[in-house]
Amino acid sequence: MVSNPVQAEHVAKLLYMIVVSSGYENLPEDLNFIFHFEDAFYLASDHTYGNPESVLQEFIQELKVFK
């Protein structure tokens, strides 16, 4: 994922879709970051807010706790 930022964006979208389709009412607090990154990658790639590299680094940082 680190070597392919596009793949990281796809992972973020897949995680988001899984959470939303599974019912997110009982989502543990440590997984709330999933809601942020689906939008963050889009906004950064669209040059609306942030940049893709910083979003990628933030996403990787959030995922490190699950190693």
C-alpha atoms as a PDB file:
ATOM      1  CA  MET A   1       0.000   0.000   0.000  1.00  0.00           C
ATOM      2  CA  VAL A   2       2.828   2.403   0.786  1.00  0.00           C
ATOM      3  CA  SER A   3       4.349   1.943  -2.656  1.00  0.00           C
ATOM      4  CA  ASN A   4       1.021   2.547  -4.384  1.00  0.00           C
ATOM      5  CA  PRO A   5      -1.001   5.558  -3.117  1.00  0.00           C
ATOM      6  CA  VAL A   6      -3.877   4.758  -5.483  1.00  0.00           C
ATOM      7  CA  GLN A   7      -4.224   1.389  -3.812  1.00  0.00           C
ATOM      8  CA  ALA A   8      -4.395   3.106  -0.419  1.00  0.00           C
ATOM      9  CA  GLU A   9      -7.304   5.202  -1.655  1.00  0.00           C
ATOM     10  CA  HIS A  10      -9.097   2.037  -2.789  1.00  0.00           C
ATOM     11  CA  VAL A  11      -8.500   0.434   0.607  1.00  0.00           C
ATOM     12  CA  ALA A  12      -9.977   3.501   2.309  1.00  0.00           C
ATOM     13  CA  LYS A  13     -13.056   3.314   0.069  1.00  0.00           C
ATOM     14  CA  LEU A  14     -13.479  -0.410   0.705  1.00  0.00           C
ATOM     15  CA  LEU A  15     -13.209   0.035   4.461  1.00  0.00           C
ATOM     16  CA  TYR A  16     -15.799   2.793   4.290  1.00  0.00           C
ATOM     17  CA  MET A  17     -18.178   0.661   2.230  1.00  0.00           C
ATOM     18  CA  ILE A  18     -17.799  -2.285   4.608  1.00  0.00           C
ATOM     19  CA  VAL A  19     -18.518  -0.148   7.661  1.00  0.00           C
ATOM     20  CA  VAL A  20     -21.521   1.582   6.104  1.00  0.00           C
ATOM     21  CA  SER A  21     -23.039  -1.623   4.742  1.00  0.00           C
ATOM     22  CA  SER A  22     -22.484  -3.452   8.040  1.00  0.00           C
ATOM     23  CA  GLY A  23     -24.214  -0.841  10.124  1.00  0.00           C
ATOM     24  CA  TYR A  24     -21.926   1.596  11.830  1.00  0.00           C
ATOM     25  CA  GLU A  25     -24.026   2.276  14.913  1.00  0.00           C
ATOM     26  CA  ASN A  26     -21.878  -0.053  17.012  1.00  0.00           C
ATOM     27  CA  LEU A  27     -18.542   0.811  15.420  1.00  0.00           C
ATOM     28  CA  PRO A  28     -15.734   0.857  17.977  1.00  0.00           C
ATOM     29  CA  GLU A  29     -14.330   4.329  18.524  1.00  0.00           C
ATOM     30  CA  ASP A  30     -10.863   3.338  17.286  1.00  0.00           C
ATOM     31  CA  LEU A  31     -12.348   2.718  13.819  1.00  0.00           C
ATOM     32  CA  ASN A  32     -13.970   6.130  13.406  1.00  0.00           C
ATOM     33  CA  PHE A  33     -11.010   7.224  11.282  1.00  0.00           C
ATOM     34  CA  ILE A  34     -12.506   5.172   8.429  1.00  0.00           C
ATOM     35  CA  PHE A  35     -15.136   7.851   7.839  1.00  0.00           C
ATOM     36  CA  HIS A  36     -12.487  10.550   7.444  1.00  0.00           C
ATOM     37  CA  PHE A  37     -10.250   8.984   4.825  1.00  0.00           C
ATOM     38  CA  GLU A  38     -12.821   8.091   2.189  1.00  0.00           C
ATOM     39  CA  ASP A  39     -13.489  11.825   1.802  1.00  0.00           C
ATOM     40  CA  ALA A  40      -9.936  12.954   2.507  1.00  0.00           C
ATOM     41  CA  PHE A  41      -8.437  11.027  -0.419  1.00  0.00           C
ATOM     42  CA  TYR A  42     -11.087  12.365  -2.768  1.00  0.00           C
ATOM     43  CA  LEU A  43     -10.695  15.978  -1.661  1.00  0.00           C
ATOM     44  CA  ALA A  44      -6.905  15.798  -1.849  1.00  0.00           C
ATOM     45  CA  SER A  45      -6.882  14.236  -5.323  1.00  0.00           C
ATOM     46  CA  ASP A  46      -9.358  16.888  -6.458  1.00  0.00           C
ATOM     47  CA  HIS A  47      -7.063  19.611  -5.012  1.00  0.00           C
ATOM     48  CA  THR A  48      -9.971  20.875  -2.923  1.00  0.00           C
ATOM     49  CA  TYR A  49      -8.421  20.276   0.488  1.00  0.00           C
ATOM     50  CA  GLY A  50      -5.030  18.894   1.450  1.00  0.00           C
ATOM     51  CA  ASN A  51      -2.685  16.900  -0.724  1.00  0.00           C
ATOM     52  CA  PRO A  52      -2.574  13.194  -1.545  1.00  0.00           C
ATOM     53  CA  GLU A  53       0.810  12.581   0.082  1.00  0.00           C
ATOM     54  CA  SER A  54      -0.174  13.989   3.466  1.00  0.00           C
ATOM     55  CA  VAL A  55      -3.478  12.087   3.423  1.00  0.00           C
ATOM     56  CA  LEU A  56      -1.600   8.899   2.574  1.00  0.00           C
ATOM     57  CA  GLN A  57       0.805   9.427   5.472  1.00  0.00           C
ATOM     58  CA  GLU A  58      -2.072  10.095   7.893  1.00  0.00           C
ATOM     59  CA  PHE A  59      -3.874   6.972   6.670  1.00  0.00           C
ATOM     60  CA  ILE A  60      -0.781   4.820   7.120  1.00  0.00           C
ATOM     61  CA  GLN A  61      -0.315   6.236  10.603  1.00  0.00           C
ATOM     62  CA  GLU A  62      -3.880   5.317  11.560  1.00  0.00           C
ATOM     63  CA  LEU A  63      -3.472   1.787  10.190  1.00  0.00           C
ATOM     64  CA  LYS A  64      -0.218   1.148  12.090  1.00  0.00           C
ATOM     65  CA  VAL A  65      -2.111   0.374  15.282  1.00  0.00           C
ATOM     66  CA  PHE A  66      -3.526  -2.719  13.577  1.00  0.00           C
ATOM     67  CA  LYS A  67      -0.204  -4.381  12.749  1.00  0.00           C
END
